[in-house]
Protein backbone atom coordinates (compact mmCIF):
# COMPACT_ATOMS: atom_id res chain seq x y z
CA PHE A 1 2.99 1.05 5.28
CA THR A 2 2.06 -2.66 5.89
CA GLU A 3 5.61 -3.02 7.45
CA LEU A 4 4.92 -0.05 9.68
CA ILE A 5 1.77 -1.55 10.84
CA LEU A 6 2.96 -5.17 11.46
CA PHE A 7 6.15 -4.11 13.46
CA GLY A 8 4.41 -1.35 15.06
CA GLY A 9 1.94 -3.69 16.39
CA MET A 10 4.63 -6.27 17.37
CA PHE A 11 6.62 -3.48 19.23
CA LEU A 12 3.44 -2.27 20.96
CA LEU A 13 2.61 -5.75 22.09
CA TYR A 14 6.15 -6.38 23.35
CA SER A 15 6.09 -3.28 25.08
CA VAL A 16 2.77 -4.09 26.89
CA TYR A 17 3.92 -7.55 27.85
CA ARG A 18 7.40 -6.24 28.95
CA PHE A 19 5.50 -3.87 31.31
CA GLN A 20 3.28 -6.65 32.53
CA TYR A 21 6.02 -9.39 33.07
CA ALA A 22 9.08 -7.31 33.62
CA ASP A 23 11.22 -9.70 35.58
CA ALA A 24 10.54 -12.68 33.37
CA PHE A 25 11.41 -10.77 30.23
CA HIS A 26 14.72 -9.96 32.10
CA ILE A 27 15.41 -13.55 32.80
CA ALA A 28 14.45 -14.74 29.35
CA ALA A 29 16.55 -12.16 27.54
CA LYS A 30 19.62 -13.57 29.09
CA GLU A 31 19.36 -16.58 26.72
CA LEU A 32 19.67 -14.32 23.65
CA ASN A 33 23.19 -13.75 22.29
CA THR A 34 23.17 -9.90 21.80
CA ILE A 35 26.12 -9.95 19.49
CA MET A 36 24.51 -12.44 16.85
CA GLY A 37 21.32 -10.23 17.14
CA ALA A 38 23.19 -7.10 16.31
CA PHE A 39 25.07 -8.82 13.48
CA ASN A 40 21.60 -9.97 12.26
CA THR A 41 20.18 -6.66 12.14
CA ALA A 42 23.16 -4.98 10.56
CA VAL A 43 23.16 -7.83 7.76
CA LEU A 44 19.17 -6.92 7.18
CA LEU A 45 19.75 -3.23 7.20
CA THR A 46 22.62 -3.46 4.73
CA SER A 47 20.65 -5.70 2.31
CA SER A 48 17.84 -3.43 2.41
CA MET A 49 20.09 -0.55 1.45
CA THR A 50 21.67 -2.70 -1.36
CA MET A 51 18.38 -3.65 -2.73
CA ALA A 52 17.20 0.09 -2.66
CA LEU A 53 20.37 1.14 -4.46
CA SER A 54 19.79 -1.56 -6.94
CA ILE A 55 16.60 -0.12 -7.79
CA VAL A 56 17.84 3.45 -7.94
CA ALA A 57 20.54 1.76 -10.27
CA ILE A 58 18.12 0.33 -12.76
CA GLN A 59 16.02 3.45 -12.87
CA ARG A 60 19.23 5.35 -13.89
CA ASP A 61 19.79 2.63 -16.71
CA LYS A 62 22.85 1.24 -14.81
CA LYS A 63 22.00 -2.41 -15.36
CA VAL A 64 25.53 -3.86 -14.41
CA LEU A 65 25.44 -1.79 -10.99
CA SER A 66 22.01 -3.04 -10.46
CA LEU A 67 22.64 -6.73 -10.95
CA PHE A 68 25.88 -6.38 -8.69
CA LEU A 69 23.97 -4.84 -5.95
CA GLN A 70 21.21 -7.55 -6.35
CA MET A 71 24.01 -10.28 -5.94
CA ILE A 72 25.36 -8.43 -2.65
CA THR A 73 21.88 -8.54 -1.51
CA ILE A 74 21.35 -12.35 -2.15
CA SER A 75 24.87 -13.02 -0.58
CA LEU A 76 23.61 -11.01 2.62
CA ALA A 77 20.40 -12.90 2.38
CA LEU A 78 22.31 -16.43 2.42
CA PHE A 79 24.66 -15.31 5.27
CA PHE A 80 21.49 -14.02 7.26
CA LEU A 81 20.04 -17.55 6.71
CA VAL A 82 23.13 -19.49 7.60
CA ASN A 83 23.46 -17.07 10.67
CA LYS A 84 19.83 -17.93 11.60
CA TYR A 85 20.67 -21.64 11.33
CA PHE A 86 23.14 -21.47 14.01
CA GLU A 87 20.94 -19.35 16.22
CA TRP A 88 18.16 -21.62 16.11
CA THR A 89 20.09 -24.81 16.36
CA ALA A 90 21.36 -23.49 19.82
CA LYS A 91 17.82 -22.61 20.94
CA PHE A 92 16.86 -26.09 19.86
CA HIS A 93 19.90 -27.44 21.72
CA HIS A 94 18.71 -25.59 24.75
CA GLY A 95 15.10 -26.99 24.48
CA ILE A 96 13.77 -23.63 23.58
CA TYR A 97 11.14 -24.20 20.60
CA PRO A 98 7.29 -24.40 20.51
CA GLY A 99 5.85 -26.82 22.57
CA SER A 100 9.08 -28.18 24.22
CA GLU A 101 9.17 -29.19 27.87
CA GLU A 102 11.85 -26.83 28.62
CA LEU A 103 10.00 -24.09 27.28
CA LEU A 104 6.63 -24.95 28.90
CA SER A 105 8.31 -25.27 32.28
CA LYS A 106 9.10 -21.57 32.30
CA SER A 107 6.84 -18.81 33.61
CA SER A 108 3.94 -17.37 31.44
CA GLY A 109 6.19 -14.22 30.88
CA GLU A 110 9.18 -16.17 29.65
CA ILE A 111 6.83 -18.24 27.20
CA LEU A 112 5.58 -14.79 25.89
CA PHE A 113 8.90 -13.45 25.39
CA PHE A 114 10.18 -16.43 23.35
CA GLY A 115 7.00 -16.39 21.45
CA LEU A 116 7.45 -12.90 20.54
């Protein structure tokens, strides 16, 4: 429920700002790597699934399977962190980080986009 409230609020906020600053959001979105974003999403969804399956396995007294699924989950988490490292390194290289001159030189809508 808390995840629903948090992400529901973020998506609502994003939708309102996207409506208000449609052109700026479109320009800012060109800075994103959609392939890397899709890959990150797939890794997160898969790791959620492996953790849920691990819980089911432990409930069915399959300790070895549960541990195996937890190791997969941890491996996916590490992979996600490495991927984020490269993603954020590229953003810093382009000067897109909180308080940077490059970011502050952009329009209000683009700053909101990157803030969200």
